[in-house]
Protein backbone atom coordinates (compact mmCIF):
# COMPACT_ATOMS: atom_id res chain seq x y z
CA UNK A 1 -42.18 -48.08 117.13
CA UNK A 2 -41.94 -51.51 116.88
CA UNK A 3 -37.80 -52.69 117.02
CA UNK A 4 -34.48 -51.44 119.44
CA UNK A 5 -31.54 -51.60 119.03
CA UNK A 6 -29.28 -51.37 121.70
CA UNK A 7 -25.51 -51.07 120.39
CA UNK A 8 -22.21 -51.43 123.08
CA UNK A 9 -18.59 -51.28 121.97
CA UNK A 10 -17.86 -54.10 124.01
CA UNK A 11 -19.78 -56.90 124.69
CA UNK A 12 -21.34 -57.81 127.89
CA UNK A 13 -22.92 -60.64 129.82
CA UNK A 14 -26.71 -61.39 129.08
CA UNK A 15 -28.76 -58.18 127.80
CA UNK A 16 -31.24 -57.03 130.86
CA UNK A 17 -34.25 -54.78 130.86
CA UNK A 18 -34.86 -52.10 128.32
CA UNK A 19 -34.42 -49.55 130.54
CA UNK A 20 -31.05 -50.55 132.06
CA UNK A 21 -29.84 -51.18 128.14
CA UNK A 22 -30.44 -47.81 127.12
CA UNK A 23 -29.12 -46.41 130.19
CA UNK A 24 -25.59 -47.66 129.46
CA UNK A 25 -25.81 -48.16 125.30
CA UNK A 26 -23.06 -46.58 124.07
CA UNK A 27 -26.14 -46.16 120.60
CA UNK A 28 -29.13 -46.83 120.36
CA UNK A 29 -31.59 -47.36 117.04
CA UNK A 30 -35.10 -47.54 116.61
CA UNK A 31 -38.12 -47.97 113.79
CA UNK A 32 -40.92 -50.25 112.77
CA UNK A 33 -39.09 -52.79 110.42
CA UNK A 34 -36.62 -55.60 112.17
CA UNK A 35 -35.10 -56.27 109.54
CA UNK A 36 -34.05 -52.13 108.43
CA UNK A 37 -33.25 -51.78 112.74
CA UNK A 38 -30.94 -54.65 112.21
CA UNK A 39 -29.20 -53.86 108.97
CA UNK A 40 -28.23 -50.55 110.23
CA UNK A 41 -27.43 -52.02 113.69
CA UNK A 42 -24.81 -54.48 111.98
CA UNK A 43 -23.05 -52.28 110.01
CA UNK A 44 -22.28 -50.02 112.68
CA UNK A 45 -20.88 -52.89 115.20
CA UNK A 46 -17.42 -52.03 115.95
CA UNK A 47 -14.40 -54.81 116.54
CA UNK A 48 -15.43 -56.89 120.06
CA UNK A 49 -19.32 -55.01 119.33
CA UNK A 50 -22.64 -56.41 120.22
CA UNK A 51 -26.42 -55.26 119.09
CA UNK A 52 -29.12 -56.68 120.97
CA UNK A 53 -32.96 -55.93 119.40
CA UNK A 54 -36.05 -55.56 121.22
CA UNK A 55 -38.91 -55.77 120.07
CA UNK A 56 -41.53 -54.07 121.51
CA UNK A 57 -45.39 -55.09 122.33
CA UNK A 58 -47.92 -54.26 119.51
CA UNK A 59 -50.43 -52.65 121.59
CA UNK A 60 -47.43 -50.12 123.40
CA UNK A 61 -48.36 -47.01 121.20
CA UNK A 62 -43.71 -46.08 121.52
CA UNK A 63 -44.14 -43.02 119.72
CA UNK A 64 -39.60 -42.87 120.90
CA UNK A 65 -36.77 -44.81 122.53
CA UNK A 66 -37.09 -43.09 125.70
CA UNK A 67 -40.33 -43.92 126.67
CA UNK A 68 -40.55 -47.49 125.82
CA UNK A 69 -36.82 -47.31 128.39
CA UNK A 70 -39.68 -45.42 131.12
CA UNK A 71 -42.76 -47.73 130.69
CA UNK A 72 -43.42 -51.02 132.05
CA UNK A 73 -42.53 -51.80 128.94
CA UNK A 74 -38.83 -53.21 130.01
CA UNK A 75 -39.21 -56.31 130.71
CA UNK A 76 -36.57 -58.94 129.88
CA UNK A 77 -39.01 -60.97 127.41
CA UNK A 78 -38.51 -58.16 125.15
CA UNK A 79 -35.26 -58.94 124.33
CA UNK A 80 -35.50 -61.06 121.09
CA UNK A 81 -31.46 -61.82 120.14
CA UNK A 82 -28.26 -60.21 119.46
CA UNK A 83 -25.44 -60.05 117.01
CA UNK A 84 -21.93 -59.67 117.66
CA UNK A 85 -19.02 -58.41 115.49
CA UNK A 86 -16.68 -61.65 114.21
CA UNK A 87 -13.71 -62.96 115.75
CA UNK A 88 -10.19 -61.95 115.12
CA UNK A 89 -8.29 -64.84 112.96
CA UNK A 90 -6.44 -65.18 115.80
CA UNK A 91 -8.45 -65.74 118.60
CA UNK A 92 -9.83 -68.62 115.96
CA UNK A 93 -6.28 -70.04 115.70
CA UNK A 94 -5.82 -70.52 119.57
CA UNK A 95 -8.67 -71.97 119.98
CA UNK A 96 -7.82 -74.72 116.86
CA UNK A 97 -4.41 -75.03 119.02
CA UNK A 98 -6.16 -75.97 122.24
CA UNK A 99 -8.91 -78.52 120.07
CA UNK A 100 -5.41 -80.37 118.78
CA UNK A 101 -8.27 -80.20 114.99
CA UNK A 102 -8.95 -77.51 112.72
CA UNK A 103 -12.38 -75.92 112.07
CA UNK A 104 -14.07 -76.51 108.59
CA UNK A 105 -13.10 -73.30 106.59
CA UNK A 106 -16.47 -72.42 105.92
CA UNK A 107 -16.91 -72.31 110.09
CA UNK A 108 -14.08 -70.27 110.40
CA UNK A 109 -15.37 -67.51 107.65
CA UNK A 110 -18.49 -67.24 109.66
CA UNK A 111 -16.80 -66.41 112.75
CA UNK A 112 -14.45 -64.14 111.38
CA UNK A 113 -17.39 -62.54 108.98
CA UNK A 114 -18.13 -59.02 109.88
CA UNK A 115 -21.06 -59.59 112.29
CA UNK A 116 -23.07 -62.52 112.99
CA UNK A 117 -26.45 -64.00 115.17
CA UNK A 118 -24.72 -64.35 118.78
CA UNK A 119 -27.28 -65.37 120.81
CA UNK A 120 -31.26 -65.35 121.70
CA UNK A 121 -35.11 -66.47 120.16
CA UNK A 122 -35.67 -66.97 116.39
CA UNK A 123 -38.53 -66.08 114.49
CA UNK A 124 -38.92 -70.06 114.28
CA UNK A 125 -39.02 -70.07 118.23
CA UNK A 126 -35.96 -71.82 118.28
CA UNK A 127 -33.77 -70.88 120.79
CA UNK A 128 -30.19 -71.01 119.73
CA UNK A 129 -26.38 -70.15 121.00
CA UNK A 130 -23.07 -69.30 118.13
CA UNK A 131 -20.16 -69.69 120.39
CA UNK A 132 -17.04 -67.85 119.94
CA UNK A 133 -14.05 -69.30 119.80
CA UNK A 134 -12.95 -69.66 123.48
CA UNK A 135 -16.56 -70.83 124.02
CA UNK A 136 -16.23 -74.05 121.00
CA UNK A 137 -12.92 -74.66 122.87
CA UNK A 138 -14.16 -74.70 126.68
CA UNK A 139 -17.78 -76.58 125.64
CA UNK A 140 -16.14 -79.30 123.82
CA UNK A 141 -12.87 -80.14 125.76
CA UNK A 142 -14.98 -80.08 128.87
CA UNK A 143 -17.34 -82.84 126.97
CA UNK A 144 -15.05 -84.64 125.62
CA UNK A 145 -12.65 -85.03 128.97
CA UNK A 146 -14.87 -88.11 130.29
CA UNK A 147 -16.05 -88.90 125.95
CA UNK A 148 -13.76 -91.04 123.32
CA UNK A 149 -13.07 -88.02 120.53
CA UNK A 150 -14.14 -88.21 117.34
CA UNK A 151 -13.66 -85.42 115.47
CA UNK A 152 -16.21 -83.29 116.85
CA UNK A 153 -16.48 -79.92 117.82
CA UNK A 154 -19.57 -78.42 119.74
CA UNK A 155 -20.04 -75.09 117.56
CA UNK A 156 -23.69 -73.60 119.18
CA UNK A 157 -25.85 -74.79 121.73
CA UNK A 158 -29.91 -75.00 122.40
CA UNK A 159 -31.91 -72.75 125.21
CA UNK A 160 -31.72 -76.10 127.70
CA UNK A 161 -28.47 -76.48 128.05
CA UNK A 162 -27.88 -79.93 127.62
CA UNK A 163 -28.49 -80.12 123.50
CA UNK A 164 -25.64 -79.14 121.33
CA UNK A 165 -24.74 -78.56 117.22
CA UNK A 166 -21.72 -80.27 116.23
CA UNK A 167 -19.38 -80.01 113.14
CA UNK A 168 -17.29 -83.09 112.08
CA UNK A 169 -13.51 -81.12 111.88
CA UNK A 170 -12.57 -84.74 109.59
CA UNK A 171 -15.33 -84.08 107.39
CA UNK A 172 -14.55 -80.13 106.71
CA UNK A 173 -16.61 -78.10 104.92
CA UNK A 174 -18.38 -81.28 104.30
CA UNK A 175 -19.90 -81.53 107.39
CA UNK A 176 -23.38 -81.65 108.14
CA UNK A 177 -24.63 -79.47 110.98
CA UNK A 178 -25.22 -82.78 113.61
CA UNK A 179 -27.09 -82.29 116.89
CA UNK A 180 -26.17 -84.40 120.26
CA UNK A 181 -27.69 -84.12 123.56
CA UNK A 182 -26.19 -84.47 127.23
CA UNK A 183 -25.83 -88.86 127.43
CA UNK A 184 -25.05 -88.91 123.77
CA UNK A 185 -20.70 -89.90 123.15
CA UNK A 186 -20.67 -90.89 119.13
CA UNK A 187 -21.45 -90.12 116.03
CA UNK A 188 -24.36 -92.79 116.13
CA UNK A 189 -25.77 -90.78 119.01
CA UNK A 190 -26.49 -87.52 116.82
CA UNK A 191 -29.22 -86.46 114.49
CA UNK A 192 -28.46 -84.65 111.65
CA UNK A 193 -30.12 -80.67 111.27
CA UNK A 194 -28.76 -79.87 107.52
CA UNK A 195 -26.56 -81.23 105.29
CA UNK A 196 -24.03 -78.37 104.73
CA UNK A 197 -22.69 -75.50 107.08
CA UNK A 198 -23.75 -72.92 104.20
CA UNK A 199 -27.40 -74.02 104.95
CA UNK A 200 -27.55 -73.43 108.20
CA UNK A 201 -25.60 -70.48 108.27
CA UNK A 202 -28.96 -69.62 105.80
CA UNK A 203 -31.31 -70.53 108.55
CA UNK A 204 -29.84 -68.95 111.00
CA UNK A 205 -29.78 -65.61 109.60
CA UNK A 206 -32.90 -66.06 107.93
CA UNK A 207 -33.94 -66.92 112.12
CA UNK A 208 -35.52 -69.78 110.31
CA UNK A 209 -33.69 -72.74 111.99
CA UNK A 210 -34.98 -75.60 113.58
CA UNK A 211 -34.10 -78.19 115.61
CA UNK A 212 -35.06 -81.01 114.18
CA UNK A 213 -35.33 -84.74 116.03
CA UNK A 214 -35.93 -87.69 113.75
CA UNK A 215 -34.19 -90.84 114.65
CA UNK A 216 -33.91 -91.73 111.43
CA UNK A 217 -31.60 -89.38 110.44
CA UNK A 218 -28.00 -89.93 112.31
CA UNK A 219 -24.87 -89.06 111.20
CA UNK A 220 -22.38 -91.51 109.51
CA UNK A 221 -19.77 -89.88 108.63
CA UNK A 222 -17.41 -91.91 105.90
CA UNK A 223 -13.67 -92.51 106.81
């Protein structure tokens, strides 16, 4: 066994060590193929639920979930990433009201899909957290309390808590996904990550997204 998915009917905080998760999970799925384990776990997610994926060391010779949970393999570093069930449209409506702008329809579609990437380490080596509607509001409004608003919303973050992925709500579905680092203010301080929302979602779902820091790729919105 190489992968374990732990399903919880109500998403909680950051997943703990594997032994704790096994003890509290509503159901568990184990297998050798990551994609197969993840696909089954996503298909079984219920509204408000979450599945956490754990990768076991290749030399662990684990034959059962119980064996993995009881062994020294129960380390936090085994957690790779989590998926969550999609948000309700009413949650997105509430977020838009509090933000004072409309999210691009393509991003709404991803947020409200049956399941979506929540947070964790991608195969590319990057850590990404996709914000639920409430967090989009909280992070965006907190940052732009001191910085002039330009139609941007923060929809995801990186590992250090000082980098955010943004969308241009004025451009709507034509918005690229751009990176803003702490201290940045306007679009001139952002760097394009993908040319489209669809491209970003595809890379996240394939676990292949990578942050780009090329200063030649600044976003210049068309107004």
